[in-house]
Amino acid sequence: MAFSPGPLEIVILLAIFFILFGAERLPKMANALGRSKGEFNKGLSEATTAATIADLEAGGKTPDQVLMDRAKAVGIDPEGMSVDELEKKVKALETLTDEE
């Protein structure tokens, strides 16, 4: 069960904060905390939006799945190959196909 402070505990905590930080600094700290939370949420939504757009552009596939599709398109069986080895072979075959 989560800890949920009652009214008395909240008053005691506020009194301790006022004693430790003073009435002058406490509002400044709360303001800075609020701004930090806002910046964090803004950054989180931007990162989520960028990841979502990248996923949509990839058709919902991971980079490895896209690589497997590219390998099959050029006629390579990707089973048992490492990602680096497969990437090199796919690039080489795609370059040869583009030159022709």
N, C-alpha and C. Protein backbone atom coordinates (compact mmCIF):
# COMPACT_ATOMS: atom_id res chain seq x y z
N MET A 1 0.85 -1.17 0.00
CA MET A 1 0.00 0.00 0.00
C MET A 1 0.90 1.24 0.00
N ALA A 2 0.56 2.22 -0.78
CA ALA A 2 1.36 3.42 -0.91
C ALA A 2 1.18 4.33 0.31
N PHE A 3 2.23 5.07 0.59
CA PHE A 3 2.20 6.02 1.69
C PHE A 3 1.40 7.25 1.26
N SER A 4 0.39 7.59 2.02
CA SER A 4 -0.38 8.80 1.73
C SER A 4 -0.43 9.63 3.02
N PRO A 5 0.29 10.76 3.01
CA PRO A 5 0.35 11.57 4.23
C PRO A 5 -0.99 12.24 4.54
N GLY A 6 -1.27 12.30 5.79
CA GLY A 6 -2.48 12.99 6.24
C GLY A 6 -2.22 14.47 6.41
N PRO A 7 -3.22 15.22 6.84
CA PRO A 7 -3.06 16.67 6.99
C PRO A 7 -1.99 17.04 8.01
N LEU A 8 -1.89 16.30 9.10
CA LEU A 8 -0.88 16.62 10.13
C LEU A 8 0.52 16.41 9.59
N GLU A 9 0.75 15.33 8.84
CA GLU A 9 2.08 15.09 8.27
C GLU A 9 2.46 16.18 7.27
N ILE A 10 1.49 16.62 6.49
CA ILE A 10 1.77 17.68 5.51
C ILE A 10 2.15 18.98 6.22
N VAL A 11 1.46 19.33 7.29
CA VAL A 11 1.78 20.54 8.06
C VAL A 11 3.16 20.42 8.65
N ILE A 12 3.50 19.25 9.17
CA ILE A 12 4.83 19.06 9.77
C ILE A 12 5.91 19.19 8.70
N LEU A 13 5.70 18.59 7.52
CA LEU A 13 6.67 18.70 6.44
C LEU A 13 6.83 20.15 5.97
N LEU A 14 5.75 20.86 5.84
CA LEU A 14 5.84 22.28 5.44
C LEU A 14 6.60 23.09 6.47
N ALA A 15 6.37 22.82 7.74
CA ALA A 15 7.09 23.53 8.80
C ALA A 15 8.59 23.23 8.72
N ILE A 16 8.94 21.98 8.47
CA ILE A 16 10.36 21.62 8.36
C ILE A 16 10.98 22.32 7.15
N PHE A 17 10.26 22.34 6.02
CA PHE A 17 10.78 23.04 4.85
C PHE A 17 10.97 24.53 5.10
N PHE A 18 10.02 25.16 5.80
CA PHE A 18 10.16 26.58 6.11
C PHE A 18 11.34 26.82 7.03
N ILE A 19 11.56 25.94 7.96
CA ILE A 19 12.70 26.10 8.88
C ILE A 19 14.02 25.92 8.13
N LEU A 20 14.09 24.90 7.27
CA LEU A 20 15.33 24.62 6.56
C LEU A 20 15.64 25.64 5.47
N PHE A 21 14.65 26.01 4.69
CA PHE A 21 14.90 26.85 3.52
C PHE A 21 14.43 28.29 3.67
N GLY A 22 13.62 28.57 4.60
CA GLY A 22 13.13 29.93 4.79
C GLY A 22 11.96 30.24 3.86
N ALA A 23 11.18 31.23 4.27
CA ALA A 23 9.99 31.60 3.50
C ALA A 23 10.34 32.24 2.17
N GLU A 24 11.55 32.78 2.06
CA GLU A 24 11.96 33.45 0.82
C GLU A 24 12.32 32.45 -0.27
N ARG A 25 13.09 31.44 0.08
CA ARG A 25 13.61 30.51 -0.93
C ARG A 25 12.61 29.43 -1.33
N LEU A 26 11.68 29.11 -0.49
CA LEU A 26 10.74 28.03 -0.78
C LEU A 26 9.89 28.28 -2.03
N PRO A 27 9.32 29.47 -2.22
CA PRO A 27 8.58 29.72 -3.46
C PRO A 27 9.47 29.67 -4.71
N LYS A 28 10.70 30.13 -4.59
CA LYS A 28 11.62 30.08 -5.73
C LYS A 28 11.93 28.63 -6.10
N MET A 29 12.11 27.80 -5.07
CA MET A 29 12.39 26.39 -5.33
C MET A 29 11.19 25.70 -5.97
N ALA A 30 10.00 26.03 -5.52
CA ALA A 30 8.78 25.44 -6.09
C ALA A 30 8.62 25.88 -7.54
N ASN A 31 8.92 27.14 -7.82
CA ASN A 31 8.84 27.66 -9.18
C ASN A 31 9.84 26.93 -10.09
N ALA A 32 11.08 26.78 -9.61
CA ALA A 32 12.10 26.10 -10.40
C ALA A 32 11.71 24.64 -10.63
N LEU A 33 11.14 24.01 -9.64
CA LEU A 33 10.70 22.62 -9.77
C LEU A 33 9.58 22.50 -10.81
N GLY A 34 8.65 23.44 -10.79
CA GLY A 34 7.57 23.44 -11.76
C GLY A 34 8.07 23.63 -13.18
N ARG A 35 9.03 24.56 -13.35
CA ARG A 35 9.60 24.79 -14.68
C ARG A 35 10.36 23.55 -15.17
N SER A 36 11.08 22.92 -14.26
CA SER A 36 11.83 21.71 -14.62
C SER A 36 10.89 20.61 -15.06
N LYS A 37 9.80 20.45 -14.36
CA LYS A 37 8.81 19.42 -14.72
C LYS A 37 8.23 19.73 -16.09
N GLY A 38 7.93 21.00 -16.35
CA GLY A 38 7.39 21.39 -17.65
C GLY A 38 8.36 21.10 -18.78
N GLU A 39 9.64 21.43 -18.57
CA GLU A 39 10.66 21.16 -19.59
C GLU A 39 10.82 19.67 -19.83
N PHE A 40 10.78 18.90 -18.74
CA PHE A 40 10.89 17.45 -18.86
C PHE A 40 9.74 16.89 -19.69
N ASN A 41 8.52 17.30 -19.38
CA ASN A 41 7.35 16.81 -20.13
C ASN A 41 7.40 17.24 -21.59
N LYS A 42 7.89 18.46 -21.85
CA LYS A 42 8.01 18.94 -23.22
C LYS A 42 9.02 18.09 -23.99
N GLY A 43 10.17 17.82 -23.39
CA GLY A 43 11.17 16.99 -24.03
C GLY A 43 10.69 15.57 -24.26
N LEU A 44 9.95 15.05 -23.28
CA LEU A 44 9.42 13.70 -23.40
C LEU A 44 8.42 13.60 -24.56
N SER A 45 7.56 14.59 -24.69
CA SER A 45 6.58 14.55 -25.79
C SER A 45 7.27 14.72 -27.14
N GLU A 46 8.32 15.55 -27.22
CA GLU A 46 9.04 15.72 -28.48
C GLU A 46 9.74 14.43 -28.87
N ALA A 47 10.36 13.75 -27.89
CA ALA A 47 11.05 12.50 -28.18
C ALA A 47 10.06 11.43 -28.62
N THR A 48 8.92 11.38 -27.96
CA THR A 48 7.90 10.40 -28.31
C THR A 48 7.35 10.66 -29.71
N THR A 49 7.15 11.93 -30.03
CA THR A 49 6.64 12.29 -31.35
C THR A 49 7.64 11.92 -32.44
N ALA A 50 8.93 12.20 -32.20
CA ALA A 50 9.95 11.88 -33.19
C ALA A 50 10.05 10.37 -33.39
N ALA A 51 9.97 9.59 -32.32
CA ALA A 51 10.04 8.14 -32.43
C ALA A 51 8.81 7.61 -33.17
N THR A 52 7.66 8.18 -32.90
CA THR A 52 6.44 7.74 -33.56
C THR A 52 6.50 8.02 -35.06
N ILE A 53 6.99 9.19 -35.44
CA ILE A 53 7.12 9.53 -36.86
C ILE A 53 8.09 8.58 -37.55
N ALA A 54 9.21 8.28 -36.89
CA ALA A 54 10.18 7.35 -37.48
C ALA A 54 9.58 5.97 -37.64
N ASP A 55 8.78 5.53 -36.66
CA ASP A 55 8.13 4.22 -36.75
C ASP A 55 7.13 4.19 -37.90
N LEU A 56 6.38 5.28 -38.08
CA LEU A 56 5.41 5.33 -39.16
C LEU A 56 6.09 5.31 -40.52
N GLU A 57 7.21 6.01 -40.63
CA GLU A 57 7.93 6.04 -41.90
C GLU A 57 8.51 4.67 -42.24
N ALA A 58 8.86 3.89 -41.20
CA ALA A 58 9.40 2.55 -41.42
C ALA A 58 8.29 1.52 -41.58
N GLY A 59 7.07 1.93 -41.56
CA GLY A 59 5.96 0.99 -41.70
C GLY A 59 5.75 0.16 -40.45
N GLY A 60 6.21 0.64 -39.33
CA GLY A 60 6.05 -0.09 -38.08
C GLY A 60 7.07 -1.19 -37.90
N LYS A 61 8.09 -1.25 -38.74
CA LYS A 61 9.09 -2.32 -38.68
C LYS A 61 10.35 -1.82 -37.98
N THR A 62 11.04 -2.74 -37.33
CA THR A 62 12.32 -2.41 -36.71
C THR A 62 13.38 -2.32 -37.80
N PRO A 63 14.51 -1.70 -37.52
CA PRO A 63 15.58 -1.64 -38.53
C PRO A 63 16.03 -3.03 -39.00
N ASP A 64 16.04 -4.00 -38.09
CA ASP A 64 16.43 -5.36 -38.49
C ASP A 64 15.42 -5.97 -39.45
N GLN A 65 14.14 -5.71 -39.22
CA GLN A 65 13.12 -6.24 -40.12
C GLN A 65 13.23 -5.60 -41.50
N VAL A 66 13.52 -4.31 -41.53
CA VAL A 66 13.70 -3.62 -42.81
C VAL A 66 14.90 -4.21 -43.55
N LEU A 67 15.98 -4.50 -42.80
CA LEU A 67 17.18 -5.10 -43.40
C LEU A 67 16.85 -6.49 -43.96
N MET A 68 16.09 -7.26 -43.24
CA MET A 68 15.69 -8.59 -43.72
C MET A 68 14.88 -8.48 -45.02
N ASP A 69 13.98 -7.51 -45.08
CA ASP A 69 13.19 -7.30 -46.30
C ASP A 69 14.07 -6.89 -47.47
N ARG A 70 15.04 -6.01 -47.19
CA ARG A 70 15.97 -5.59 -48.25
C ARG A 70 16.79 -6.77 -48.75
N ALA A 71 17.22 -7.65 -47.81
CA ALA A 71 18.01 -8.82 -48.18
C ALA A 71 17.19 -9.76 -49.06
N LYS A 72 15.96 -10.00 -48.69
CA LYS A 72 15.11 -10.88 -49.48
C LYS A 72 14.83 -10.29 -50.86
N ALA A 73 14.75 -8.95 -50.94
CA ALA A 73 14.48 -8.28 -52.22
C ALA A 73 15.64 -8.45 -53.20
N VAL A 74 16.88 -8.54 -52.68
CA VAL A 74 18.03 -8.72 -53.58
C VAL A 74 18.42 -10.19 -53.72
N GLY A 75 17.66 -11.10 -53.07
CA GLY A 75 17.88 -12.53 -53.26
C GLY A 75 18.81 -13.19 -52.26
N ILE A 76 18.98 -12.61 -51.09
CA ILE A 76 19.84 -13.20 -50.06
C ILE A 76 18.95 -13.86 -49.01
N ASP A 77 19.36 -15.08 -48.59
CA ASP A 77 18.67 -15.73 -47.48
C ASP A 77 19.33 -15.25 -46.19
N PRO A 78 18.65 -14.44 -45.37
CA PRO A 78 19.29 -13.82 -44.20
C PRO A 78 19.46 -14.74 -43.00
N GLU A 79 18.96 -15.96 -43.06
CA GLU A 79 19.03 -16.85 -41.91
C GLU A 79 20.48 -17.19 -41.57
N GLY A 80 20.84 -17.06 -40.29
CA GLY A 80 22.16 -17.45 -39.81
C GLY A 80 23.26 -16.42 -40.01
N MET A 81 22.95 -15.28 -40.59
CA MET A 81 23.97 -14.25 -40.81
C MET A 81 23.90 -13.21 -39.71
N SER A 82 25.05 -12.63 -39.40
CA SER A 82 25.04 -11.52 -38.45
C SER A 82 24.51 -10.28 -39.14
N VAL A 83 24.06 -9.32 -38.37
CA VAL A 83 23.48 -8.10 -38.92
C VAL A 83 24.52 -7.33 -39.73
N ASP A 84 25.76 -7.26 -39.21
CA ASP A 84 26.81 -6.52 -39.92
C ASP A 84 27.14 -7.17 -41.27
N GLU A 85 27.27 -8.49 -41.25
CA GLU A 85 27.58 -9.22 -42.49
C GLU A 85 26.46 -9.06 -43.51
N LEU A 86 25.23 -9.17 -43.04
CA LEU A 86 24.08 -9.02 -43.92
C LEU A 86 24.00 -7.62 -44.51
N GLU A 87 24.26 -6.62 -43.66
CA GLU A 87 24.24 -5.22 -44.12
C GLU A 87 25.26 -5.00 -45.24
N LYS A 88 26.47 -5.54 -45.07
CA LYS A 88 27.51 -5.39 -46.09
C LYS A 88 27.09 -6.04 -47.41
N LYS A 89 26.56 -7.25 -47.33
CA LYS A 89 26.17 -7.96 -48.55
C LYS A 89 25.02 -7.26 -49.25
N VAL A 90 24.05 -6.78 -48.48
CA VAL A 90 22.89 -6.10 -49.08
C VAL A 90 23.34 -4.81 -49.76
N LYS A 91 24.21 -4.06 -49.10
CA LYS A 91 24.70 -2.81 -49.70
C LYS A 91 25.45 -3.10 -50.99
N ALA A 92 26.28 -4.14 -50.98
CA ALA A 92 27.06 -4.48 -52.18
C ALA A 92 26.13 -4.86 -53.32
N LEU A 93 25.15 -5.71 -53.04
CA LEU A 93 24.23 -6.11 -54.11
C LEU A 93 23.34 -4.98 -54.59
N GLU A 94 22.93 -4.12 -53.68
CA GLU A 94 22.12 -2.95 -54.09
C GLU A 94 22.94 -2.00 -54.95
N THR A 95 24.23 -1.85 -54.62
CA THR A 95 25.10 -0.99 -55.43
C THR A 95 25.27 -1.57 -56.84
N LEU A 96 25.46 -2.89 -56.91
CA LEU A 96 25.59 -3.54 -58.22
C LEU A 96 24.30 -3.40 -59.04
N THR A 97 23.18 -3.54 -58.38
CA THR A 97 21.88 -3.44 -59.07
C THR A 97 21.66 -2.00 -59.57
N ASP A 98 22.09 -1.01 -58.77
CA ASP A 98 21.91 0.39 -59.17
C ASP A 98 22.80 0.75 -60.35
N GLU A 99 23.99 0.13 -60.44
CA GLU A 99 24.92 0.44 -61.51
C GLU A 99 24.43 -0.10 -62.85
N GLU A 100 23.68 -1.18 -62.80
CA GLU A 100 23.22 -1.80 -64.06
C GLU A 100 22.09 -1.07 -64.68
